[in-house]
Every structure is written in structure tokens, then in C-alpha cells.
């Protein structure tokens, strides 16, 4: 048997943590002296404590670890899910690092911390009517794949021929990444199978190259141009995804066209 101090040193976990684990029924001492209240642990508990340490290191919460230990059937699936979560975090961090490095280079070159926002060329374009199938509802930006998937299933089920246009219209007056009024649409060649016609309009348009995390820079550039050139926004803005992750290219090569329907003030 090991005293709580010896068990603490062996497993490299604080005595305070061991007492907390005992209190919440996480890992209890093998023996508690009824007279002194001293806790003792058995050598057989060392592997369990080391596993708990490892799962904490992987980023699991204590409640998750407790469930995993009590039901080992879920351990593999939880480990795989956490691995995927960490990989996404790594990729997001690398994207942020890439943007930050580019910002540093631009600042060193120009001395202007906002000069990176001046890379967008805005022009006025008269768009044509677009025949589309669409899905509009409140959704988060992470739900795009789900609802685009539903549209593509319709394409297969109803033998709809697409013209390659893939777009999203943002109907809300304010941004909420978790719950916004968004309409996803696919352009169709067979007008009889279209859900609706998006009427052509005069639009202020720019092209964004890169990940979607930088799209606000494009929106800011267009909005500023509209104000400075005597126009006002006439309808909700929308994006057309010319190339994206569906093309199996890196985010730096994604091309997105940003459209703001406008009218003269």
C-alpha cells in the first residue's frame, strides 16, 4: 500500500487533486484508516491514475473521463473524436499563423497596419436573372454542409441539371454565426425545375481569394466603396463560391465572389 503522498509522487498528481477525485467518487483510496482518516492507495491503482492523467492531457474534462472509465466501450470512439477535434484546432491555428505572418510582412513593407484591407478591387456589375433551387432557414455557418447536402440529394433524386453556380444569401440584418437567416442555392439549367428566380440587379462586386475567415475584409471593402461612390445597399448581399474545398484545393486558393445589390443614392 502507498500513502497518499507516495501515490501523489508516483503518479505525479497533487494531493489536493487526489482528495478532490475521492470526494467526487472518481478514484477512491483503497483504504482509509478509520482512526486517523489517512488515505492509502494500492499499487494496482497506479495504471488507472496514469490513464486519467493521460486523458486529461488529451483535453478531456473530468466528467468525460469518468464516463469513459465507467463504460470502456466508448473509449475508442471518444479518443477518435478528440483526435479529430485536435487536428481541426491545429489546422485553424496554422491558418491563423499564416494570416498573422502575412500581416507582419505587409506591415513591415508599408508601415500601415490596415494596408492589407486595400487589396480588393470593387466594380459595378449588372447581373442576370438566376434560376435556382434553394433552401432558406435559420442556420449556423457550420451547418452549410448539411443543407447543401440536402440540395445535392434533390439534384440526384429529381434529375436536376446544375449550371455550376453555388451561392449563399445572407438575409439577416446582423451577424450571428450560430443562428442566421441564410439561403443556400444552386443554379439550374432547366428553368422548369427551379424553385425561384433571383432577379438580376446592379451589384457592387469584389473577388476574395483565401479562407472564409477573411471574408469580412472583402465585405468591409465593398461596404466602404459603396458609401464612397454614392450608392446604397438595395438587397441582402450574397456570395458565389467559384472554387472551394469541394475542388480539393488548399484554402489559400479558394475563390469567392461577393455581391452587394445596390442603387444610386
C-alpha atoms as a PDB file:
ATOM      1  CA  UNK A   1       0.000   0.000   0.000  1.00  0.00           C
ATOM      2  CA  UNK A   2       1.069   3.588  -0.669  1.00  0.00           C
ATOM      3  CA  UNK A   3       0.362   6.651   1.415  1.00  0.00           C
ATOM      4  CA  UNK A   4      -1.437   9.486  -0.363  1.00  0.00           C
ATOM      5  CA  UNK A   5       1.889  11.334  -0.562  1.00  0.00           C
ATOM      6  CA  UNK A   6       3.685   8.353  -2.091  1.00  0.00           C
ATOM      7  CA  UNK A   7       0.843   7.797  -4.569  1.00  0.00           C
ATOM      8  CA  UNK A   8       0.941  11.503  -5.418  1.00  0.00           C
ATOM      9  CA  UNK A   9       4.666  11.407  -6.178  1.00  0.00           C
ATOM     10  CA  UNK A  10       4.468   8.138  -8.105  1.00  0.00           C
ATOM     11  CA  UNK A  11       1.642   9.316 -10.385  1.00  0.00           C
ATOM     12  CA  UNK A  12       2.687  12.990 -10.441  1.00  0.00           C
ATOM     13  CA  UNK A  13      -0.698  14.246  -9.308  1.00  0.00           C
ATOM     14  CA  UNK A  14      -1.230  16.641  -6.417  1.00  0.00           C
ATOM     15  CA  UNK A  15      -2.627  15.528  -3.081  1.00  0.00           C
ATOM     16  CA  UNK A  16      -5.287  18.216  -3.487  1.00  0.00           C
ATOM     17  CA  UNK A  17      -6.392  16.634  -6.767  1.00  0.00           C
ATOM     18  CA  UNK A  18      -6.464  13.149  -5.224  1.00  0.00           C
ATOM     19  CA  UNK A  19      -8.685  14.402  -2.414  1.00  0.00           C
ATOM     20  CA  UNK A  20     -10.987  16.009  -4.971  1.00  0.00           C
ATOM     21  CA  UNK A  21     -11.140  12.790  -7.012  1.00  0.00           C
ATOM     22  CA  UNK A  22     -12.068  10.921  -3.838  1.00  0.00           C
ATOM     23  CA  UNK A  23     -14.782  13.462  -2.992  1.00  0.00           C
ATOM     24  CA  UNK A  24     -16.476  13.183  -6.391  1.00  0.00           C
ATOM     25  CA  UNK A  25     -16.139   9.395  -6.465  1.00  0.00           C
ATOM     26  CA  UNK A  26     -13.649   9.463  -9.309  1.00  0.00           C
ATOM     27  CA  UNK A  27     -10.830   7.364  -7.894  1.00  0.00           C
ATOM     28  CA  UNK A  28     -11.161   6.438  -4.231  1.00  0.00           C
ATOM     29  CA  UNK A  29      -8.416   5.274  -1.868  1.00  0.00           C
ATOM     30  CA  UNK A  30      -8.066   1.546  -1.484  1.00  0.00           C
ATOM     31  CA  UNK A  31      -8.093   2.019   2.297  1.00  0.00           C
ATOM     32  CA  UNK A  32      -8.924   4.834   4.731  1.00  0.00           C
ATOM     33  CA  UNK A  33      -7.680   4.465   8.286  1.00  0.00           C
ATOM     34  CA  UNK A  34     -10.824   4.772  10.457  1.00  0.00           C
ATOM     35  CA  UNK A  35      -8.837   6.306  13.323  1.00  0.00           C
ATOM     36  CA  UNK A  36      -6.607   8.814  11.517  1.00  0.00           C
ATOM     37  CA  UNK A  37      -8.503   9.292   8.256  1.00  0.00           C
ATOM     38  CA  UNK A  38      -5.264   8.766   6.328  1.00  0.00           C
ATOM     39  CA  UNK A  39      -5.800   7.609   2.777  1.00  0.00           C
ATOM     40  CA  UNK A  40      -3.847   4.763   1.251  1.00  0.00           C
ATOM     41  CA  UNK A  41      -3.733   3.579  -2.328  1.00  0.00           C
ATOM     42  CA  UNK A  42      -2.782   0.233  -3.789  1.00  0.00           C
ATOM     43  CA  UNK A  43      -0.151  -0.317  -6.441  1.00  0.00           C
ATOM     44  CA  UNK A  44      -2.914  -1.748  -8.649  1.00  0.00           C
ATOM     45  CA  UNK A  45      -4.495   1.742  -8.847  1.00  0.00           C
ATOM     46  CA  UNK A  46      -1.408   3.275 -10.450  1.00  0.00           C
ATOM     47  CA  UNK A  47      -2.342   2.296 -14.076  1.00  0.00           C
ATOM     48  CA  UNK A  48      -5.809   3.812 -13.630  1.00  0.00           C
ATOM     49  CA  UNK A  49      -4.371   7.056 -12.281  1.00  0.00           C
ATOM     50  CA  UNK A  50      -1.865   7.228 -15.129  1.00  0.00           C
ATOM     51  CA  UNK A  51      -4.695   6.703 -17.620  1.00  0.00           C
ATOM     52  CA  UNK A  52      -6.661   9.532 -16.023  1.00  0.00           C
ATOM     53  CA  UNK A  53      -3.604  11.784 -16.329  1.00  0.00           C
ATOM     54  CA  UNK A  54      -3.222  10.835 -19.976  1.00  0.00           C
ATOM     55  CA  UNK A  55      -6.882  11.541 -20.779  1.00  0.00           C
ATOM     56  CA  UNK A  56      -6.627  14.917 -19.038  1.00  0.00           C
ATOM     57  CA  UNK A  57      -3.545  15.645 -21.143  1.00  0.00           C
ATOM     58  CA  UNK A  58      -5.586  14.851 -24.258  1.00  0.00           C
ATOM     59  CA  UNK A  59      -8.030  17.563 -23.244  1.00  0.00           C
ATOM     60  CA  UNK A  60     -10.936  15.568 -21.810  1.00  0.00           C
ATOM     61  CA  UNK A  61     -12.956  17.023 -18.943  1.00  0.00           C
ATOM     62  CA  UNK A  62     -13.193  15.053 -15.696  1.00  0.00           C
ATOM     63  CA  UNK A  63     -16.864  14.280 -16.351  1.00  0.00           C
ATOM     64  CA  UNK A  64     -15.934  12.815 -19.739  1.00  0.00           C
ATOM     65  CA  UNK A  65     -13.109  10.777 -18.234  1.00  0.00           C
ATOM     66  CA  UNK A  66     -15.414   9.392 -15.567  1.00  0.00           C
ATOM     67  CA  UNK A  67     -17.880   8.250 -18.223  1.00  0.00           C
ATOM     68  CA  UNK A  68     -15.102   6.717 -20.339  1.00  0.00           C
ATOM     69  CA  UNK A  69     -13.701   4.767 -17.404  1.00  0.00           C
ATOM     70  CA  UNK A  70     -17.097   3.517 -16.275  1.00  0.00           C
ATOM     71  CA  UNK A  71     -18.062   2.489 -19.836  1.00  0.00           C
ATOM     72  CA  UNK A  72     -14.944   1.439 -21.715  1.00  0.00           C
ATOM     73  CA  UNK A  73     -16.946   0.663 -24.869  1.00  0.00           C
ATOM     74  CA  UNK A  74     -16.949   4.392 -25.670  1.00  0.00           C
ATOM     75  CA  UNK A  75     -13.236   4.980 -25.125  1.00  0.00           C
ATOM     76  CA  UNK A  76     -12.153   4.337 -28.716  1.00  0.00           C
ATOM     77  CA  UNK A  77     -14.847   6.490 -30.287  1.00  0.00           C
ATOM     78  CA  UNK A  78     -14.166   9.314 -27.819  1.00  0.00           C
ATOM     79  CA  UNK A  79     -10.429   9.150 -28.466  1.00  0.00           C
ATOM     80  CA  UNK A  80     -11.004   9.298 -32.220  1.00  0.00           C
ATOM     81  CA  UNK A  81     -13.402  12.224 -31.848  1.00  0.00           C
ATOM     82  CA  UNK A  82     -10.916  14.112 -29.680  1.00  0.00           C
ATOM     83  CA  UNK A  83      -8.128  13.373 -32.152  1.00  0.00           C
ATOM     84  CA  UNK A  84     -10.221  14.897 -34.950  1.00  0.00           C
ATOM     85  CA  UNK A  85     -11.033  17.913 -32.778  1.00  0.00           C
ATOM     86  CA  UNK A  86      -7.359  18.496 -32.052  1.00  0.00           C
ATOM     87  CA  UNK A  87      -6.459  18.158 -35.739  1.00  0.00           C
ATOM     88  CA  UNK A  88      -9.063  20.815 -36.605  1.00  0.00           C
ATOM     89  CA  UNK A  89      -7.579  23.030 -33.920  1.00  0.00           C
ATOM     90  CA  UNK A  90      -4.099  22.518 -35.379  1.00  0.00           C
ATOM     91  CA  UNK A  91      -5.290  23.451 -38.878  1.00  0.00           C
ATOM     92  CA  UNK A  92      -7.141  26.506 -37.570  1.00  0.00           C
ATOM     93  CA  UNK A  93      -4.050  27.578 -35.653  1.00  0.00           C
ATOM     94  CA  UNK A  94      -1.893  27.154 -38.758  1.00  0.00           C
ATOM     95  CA  UNK A  95      -4.348  29.269 -40.766  1.00  0.00           C
ATOM     96  CA  UNK A  96      -4.207  31.987 -38.112  1.00  0.00           C
ATOM     97  CA  UNK A  97      -0.400  31.804 -38.049  1.00  0.00           C
ATOM     98  CA  UNK A  98      -0.290  32.117 -41.837  1.00  0.00           C
ATOM     99  CA  UNK A  99      -2.539  35.200 -41.771  1.00  0.00           C
ATOM    100  CA  UNK A 100      -0.568  36.730 -38.927  1.00  0.00           C
ATOM    101  CA  UNK A 101       2.728  36.201 -40.750  1.00  0.00           C
ATOM    102  CA  UNK A 102       1.308  37.798 -43.902  1.00  0.00           C
ATOM    103  CA  UNK A 103       0.056  40.733 -41.832  1.00  0.00           C
ATOM    104  CA  UNK A 104       3.500  41.197 -40.282  1.00  0.00           C
ATOM    105  CA  UNK A 105       5.142  41.173 -43.726  1.00  0.00           C
ATOM    106  CA  UNK A 106       2.634  43.724 -45.041  1.00  0.00           C
ATOM    107  CA  UNK A 107       3.147  45.964 -42.022  1.00  0.00           C
ATOM    108  CA  UNK A 108       6.923  45.773 -42.450  1.00  0.00           C
ATOM    109  CA  UNK A 109       6.521  46.688 -46.122  1.00  0.00           C
ATOM    110  CA  UNK A 110       4.057  49.558 -45.782  1.00  0.00           C
ATOM    111  CA  UNK A 111       4.130  50.700 -42.174  1.00  0.00           C
ATOM    112  CA  UNK A 112       0.327  50.727 -42.278  1.00  0.00           C
ATOM    113  CA  UNK A 113      -1.382  48.159 -40.065  1.00  0.00           C
ATOM    114  CA  UNK A 114      -4.560  48.344 -42.208  1.00  0.00           C
ATOM    115  CA  UNK A 115      -2.961  48.217 -45.654  1.00  0.00           C
ATOM    116  CA  UNK A 116      -3.924  44.544 -46.065  1.00  0.00           C
ATOM    117  CA  UNK A 117      -7.534  45.724 -46.409  1.00  0.00           C
ATOM    118  CA  UNK A 118      -6.771  47.629 -49.622  1.00  0.00           C
ATOM    119  CA  UNK A 119      -6.261  44.609 -51.873  1.00  0.00           C
ATOM    120  CA  UNK A 120      -9.871  44.399 -53.107  1.00  0.00           C
ATOM    121  CA  UNK A 121     -10.963  45.808 -56.453  1.00  0.00           C
ATOM    122  CA  UNK A 122     -14.672  46.687 -56.456  1.00  0.00           C
ATOM    123  CA  UNK A 123     -16.703  47.122 -59.624  1.00  0.00           C
ATOM    124  CA  UNK A 124     -20.324  47.603 -60.629  1.00  0.00           C
ATOM    125  CA  UNK A 125     -21.798  44.601 -62.441  1.00  0.00           C
ATOM    126  CA  UNK A 126     -25.311  44.118 -63.854  1.00  0.00           C
ATOM    127  CA  UNK A 127     -26.208  40.505 -63.041  1.00  0.00           C
ATOM    128  CA  UNK A 128     -28.654  38.351 -64.981  1.00  0.00           C
ATOM    129  CA  UNK A 129     -31.660  36.513 -63.570  1.00  0.00           C
ATOM    130  CA  UNK A 130     -30.616  33.288 -61.862  1.00  0.00           C
ATOM    131  CA  UNK A 131     -32.823  30.181 -61.801  1.00  0.00           C
ATOM    132  CA  UNK A 132     -32.046  28.257 -58.627  1.00  0.00           C
ATOM    133  CA  UNK A 133     -33.152  25.585 -56.235  1.00  0.00           C
ATOM    134  CA  UNK A 134     -32.736  26.831 -52.705  1.00  0.00           C
ATOM    135  CA  UNK A 135     -33.063  26.178 -49.010  1.00  0.00           C
ATOM    136  CA  UNK A 136     -33.677  29.100 -46.644  1.00  0.00           C
ATOM    137  CA  UNK A 137     -33.844  28.854 -42.868  1.00  0.00           C
ATOM    138  CA  UNK A 138     -32.076  29.858 -39.695  1.00  0.00           C
ATOM    139  CA  UNK A 139     -28.751  28.043 -39.510  1.00  0.00           C
ATOM    140  CA  UNK A 140     -25.198  28.393 -38.301  1.00  0.00           C
ATOM    141  CA  UNK A 141     -22.274  28.707 -40.674  1.00  0.00           C
ATOM    142  CA  UNK A 142     -21.184  25.215 -39.642  1.00  0.00           C
ATOM    143  CA  UNK A 143     -24.480  23.854 -40.996  1.00  0.00           C
ATOM    144  CA  UNK A 144     -23.738  24.720 -44.634  1.00  0.00           C
ATOM    145  CA  UNK A 145     -22.520  21.214 -45.462  1.00  0.00           C
ATOM    146  CA  UNK A 146     -25.699  19.668 -44.066  1.00  0.00           C
ATOM    147  CA  UNK A 147     -28.081  21.836 -46.073  1.00  0.00           C
ATOM    148  CA  UNK A 148     -26.029  21.861 -49.262  1.00  0.00           C
ATOM    149  CA  UNK A 149     -26.034  18.071 -48.928  1.00  0.00           C
ATOM    150  CA  UNK A 150     -29.841  18.117 -48.901  1.00  0.00           C
ATOM    151  CA  UNK A 151     -29.871  20.250 -52.057  1.00  0.00           C
ATOM    152  CA  UNK A 152     -27.491  17.898 -53.856  1.00  0.00           C
ATOM    153  CA  UNK A 153     -29.665  14.932 -52.885  1.00  0.00           C
ATOM    154  CA  UNK A 154     -32.567  16.731 -54.548  1.00  0.00           C
ATOM    155  CA  UNK A 155     -30.425  17.143 -57.651  1.00  0.00           C
ATOM    156  CA  UNK A 156     -29.853  13.394 -57.815  1.00  0.00           C
ATOM    157  CA  UNK A 157     -33.429  12.411 -56.940  1.00  0.00           C
ATOM    158  CA  UNK A 158     -35.091  14.835 -59.360  1.00  0.00           C
ATOM    159  CA  UNK A 159     -32.505  14.618 -62.178  1.00  0.00           C
ATOM    160  CA  UNK A 160     -31.804  18.344 -61.991  1.00  0.00           C
ATOM    161  CA  UNK A 161     -29.020  19.687 -64.196  1.00  0.00           C
ATOM    162  CA  UNK A 162     -26.858  22.304 -62.493  1.00  0.00           C
ATOM    163  CA  UNK A 163     -25.057  25.201 -64.159  1.00  0.00           C
ATOM    164  CA  UNK A 164     -22.190  25.339 -61.647  1.00  0.00           C
ATOM    165  CA  UNK A 165     -23.382  28.308 -59.575  1.00  0.00           C
ATOM    166  CA  UNK A 166     -23.253  27.701 -55.821  1.00  0.00           C
ATOM    167  CA  UNK A 167     -24.236  30.613 -53.617  1.00  0.00           C
ATOM    168  CA  UNK A 168     -25.398  31.786 -50.193  1.00  0.00           C
ATOM    169  CA  UNK A 169     -27.617  34.793 -49.458  1.00  0.00           C
ATOM    170  CA  UNK A 170     -27.450  36.467 -46.044  1.00  0.00           C
ATOM    171  CA  UNK A 171     -30.894  37.851 -45.211  1.00  0.00           C
ATOM    172  CA  UNK A 172     -30.266  38.874 -41.590  1.00  0.00           C
ATOM    173  CA  UNK A 173     -29.531  42.487 -40.725  1.00  0.00           C
ATOM    174  CA  UNK A 174     -26.930  41.422 -38.178  1.00  0.00           C
ATOM    175  CA  UNK A 175     -24.345  38.645 -37.987  1.00  0.00           C
ATOM    176  CA  UNK A 176     -24.887  35.610 -35.807  1.00  0.00           C
ATOM    177  CA  UNK A 177     -22.584  32.676 -36.656  1.00  0.00           C
ATOM    178  CA  UNK A 178     -24.799  30.258 -34.734  1.00  0.00           C
ATOM    179  CA  UNK A 179     -28.273  31.224 -35.963  1.00  0.00           C
ATOM    180  CA  UNK A 180     -28.709  33.399 -39.061  1.00  0.00           C
ATOM    181  CA  UNK A 181     -31.351  33.685 -41.772  1.00  0.00           C
ATOM    182  CA  UNK A 182     -29.391  32.191 -44.671  1.00  0.00           C
ATOM    183  CA  UNK A 183     -30.485  30.941 -48.061  1.00  0.00           C
ATOM    184  CA  UNK A 184     -28.310  28.389 -49.841  1.00  0.00           C
ATOM    185  CA  UNK A 185     -28.883  27.951 -53.555  1.00  0.00           C
ATOM    186  CA  UNK A 186     -27.654  26.056 -56.616  1.00  0.00           C
ATOM    187  CA  UNK A 187     -28.063  27.376 -60.142  1.00  0.00           C
ATOM    188  CA  UNK A 188     -30.028  25.146 -62.553  1.00  0.00           C
ATOM    189  CA  UNK A 189     -30.190  24.991 -66.339  1.00  0.00           C
ATOM    190  CA  UNK A 190     -33.731  23.608 -66.521  1.00  0.00           C
ATOM    191  CA  UNK A 191     -35.887  26.597 -65.577  1.00  0.00           C
ATOM    192  CA  UNK A 192     -38.952  24.384 -65.075  1.00  0.00           C
ATOM    193  CA  UNK A 193     -37.258  22.709 -62.104  1.00  0.00           C
ATOM    194  CA  UNK A 194     -36.177  25.919 -60.414  1.00  0.00           C
ATOM    195  CA  UNK A 195     -37.647  26.862 -57.034  1.00  0.00           C
ATOM    196  CA  UNK A 196     -37.351  30.552 -57.776  1.00  0.00           C
ATOM    197  CA  UNK A 197     -35.746  33.233 -59.867  1.00  0.00           C
ATOM    198  CA  UNK A 198     -33.189  35.514 -58.275  1.00  0.00           C
ATOM    199  CA  UNK A 199     -33.749  38.705 -60.297  1.00  0.00           C
ATOM    200  CA  UNK A 200     -30.773  40.378 -61.896  1.00  0.00           C
ATOM    201  CA  UNK A 201     -29.600  43.575 -60.289  1.00  0.00           C
ATOM    202  CA  UNK A 202     -26.915  46.203 -60.292  1.00  0.00           C
ATOM    203  CA  UNK A 203     -24.285  44.941 -57.828  1.00  0.00           C
ATOM    204  CA  UNK A 204     -21.061  46.123 -56.294  1.00  0.00           C
ATOM    205  CA  UNK A 205     -18.807  43.103 -56.627  1.00  0.00           C
ATOM    206  CA  UNK A 206     -15.377  42.020 -55.466  1.00  0.00           C
ATOM    207  CA  UNK A 207     -13.429  38.769 -55.509  1.00  0.00           C
ATOM    208  CA  UNK A 208     -11.961  37.209 -52.380  1.00  0.00           C
ATOM    209  CA  UNK A 209      -9.148  34.680 -52.531  1.00  0.00           C
ATOM    210  CA  UNK A 210      -8.465  32.614 -49.436  1.00  0.00           C
ATOM    211  CA  UNK A 211     -10.213  31.069 -46.443  1.00  0.00           C
ATOM    212  CA  UNK A 212     -13.676  32.172 -45.390  1.00  0.00           C
ATOM    213  CA  UNK A 213     -12.291  33.528 -42.107  1.00  0.00           C
ATOM    214  CA  UNK A 214     -11.010  36.534 -44.086  1.00  0.00           C
ATOM    215  CA  UNK A 215     -14.274  37.259 -45.912  1.00  0.00           C
ATOM    216  CA  UNK A 216     -15.138  40.145 -43.544  1.00  0.00           C
ATOM    217  CA  UNK A 217     -12.254  42.045 -45.160  1.00  0.00           C
ATOM    218  CA  UNK A 218     -13.974  41.721 -48.542  1.00  0.00           C
ATOM    219  CA  UNK A 219     -17.309  42.790 -47.060  1.00  0.00           C
ATOM    220  CA  UNK A 220     -15.658  45.784 -45.434  1.00  0.00           C
ATOM    221  CA  UNK A 221     -14.011  46.815 -48.694  1.00  0.00           C
ATOM    222  CA  UNK A 222     -17.281  46.634 -50.655  1.00  0.00           C
ATOM    223  CA  UNK A 223     -19.294  48.453 -47.992  1.00  0.00           C
ATOM    224  CA  UNK A 224     -16.696  51.244 -47.861  1.00  0.00           C
ATOM    225  CA  UNK A 225     -16.664  51.523 -51.666  1.00  0.00           C
ATOM    226  CA  UNK A 226     -20.471  51.741 -51.803  1.00  0.00           C
ATOM    227  CA  UNK A 227     -20.501  54.621 -49.317  1.00  0.00           C
ATOM    228  CA  UNK A 228     -17.673  56.491 -51.039  1.00  0.00           C
ATOM    229  CA  UNK A 229     -19.176  56.203 -54.532  1.00  0.00           C
ATOM    230  CA  UNK A 230     -22.710  57.419 -53.986  1.00  0.00           C
ATOM    231  CA  UNK A 231     -24.528  54.096 -53.761  1.00  0.00           C
ATOM    232  CA  UNK A 232     -26.611  52.412 -51.080  1.00  0.00           C
ATOM    233  CA  UNK A 233     -27.342  48.759 -50.390  1.00  0.00           C
ATOM    234  CA  UNK A 234     -30.603  47.680 -52.033  1.00  0.00           C
ATOM    235  CA  UNK A 235     -30.908  43.994 -51.060  1.00  0.00           C
ATOM    236  CA  UNK A 236     -29.155  41.324 -48.978  1.00  0.00           C
ATOM    237  CA  UNK A 237     -25.580  40.500 -50.028  1.00  0.00           C
ATOM    238  CA  UNK A 238     -24.646  37.086 -51.325  1.00  0.00           C
ATOM    239  CA  UNK A 239     -21.594  35.008 -52.089  1.00  0.00           C
ATOM    240  CA  UNK A 240     -20.874  32.807 -55.101  1.00  0.00           C
ATOM    241  CA  UNK A 241     -18.325  30.084 -54.434  1.00  0.00           C
ATOM    242  CA  UNK A 242     -16.267  29.820 -57.619  1.00  0.00           C
ATOM    243  CA  UNK A 243     -13.819  27.356 -56.066  1.00  0.00           C
ATOM    244  CA  UNK A 244     -13.905  25.852 -52.589  1.00  0.00           C
ATOM    245  CA  UNK A 245     -12.877  22.794 -50.566  1.00  0.00           C
ATOM    246  CA  UNK A 246     -15.080  20.728 -52.903  1.00  0.00           C
ATOM    247  CA  UNK A 247     -12.399  21.316 -55.552  1.00  0.00           C
ATOM    248  CA  UNK A 248      -9.813  19.686 -53.278  1.00  0.00           C
ATOM    249  CA  UNK A 249      -7.534  22.710 -53.253  1.00  0.00           C
ATOM    250  CA  UNK A 250      -5.967  24.465 -50.236  1.00  0.00           C
ATOM    251  CA  UNK A 251      -7.938  27.301 -48.585  1.00  0.00           C
ATOM    252  CA  UNK A 252      -5.466  29.863 -49.906  1.00  0.00           C
ATOM    253  CA  UNK A 253      -6.749  29.101 -53.428  1.00  0.00           C
ATOM    254  CA  UNK A 254     -10.480  29.303 -52.717  1.00  0.00           C
ATOM    255  CA  UNK A 255     -12.238  31.952 -54.820  1.00  0.00           C
ATOM    256  CA  UNK A 256     -15.391  33.663 -53.584  1.00  0.00           C
ATOM    257  CA  UNK A 257     -17.296  36.431 -55.378  1.00  0.00           C
ATOM    258  CA  UNK A 258     -19.084  38.851 -53.039  1.00  0.00           C
ATOM    259  CA  UNK A 259     -22.172  40.648 -54.397  1.00  0.00           C
ATOM    260  CA  UNK A 260     -23.972  43.636 -52.859  1.00  0.00           C
ATOM    261  CA  UNK A 261     -27.098  44.680 -54.781  1.00  0.00           C
ATOM    262  CA  UNK A 262     -27.028  48.494 -54.867  1.00  0.00           C
ATOM    263  CA  UNK A 263     -28.840  51.563 -56.132  1.00  0.00           C
ATOM    264  CA  UNK A 264     -27.804  55.168 -56.569  1.00  0.00           C
ATOM    265  CA  UNK A 265     -28.456  57.417 -53.590  1.00  0.00           C
END
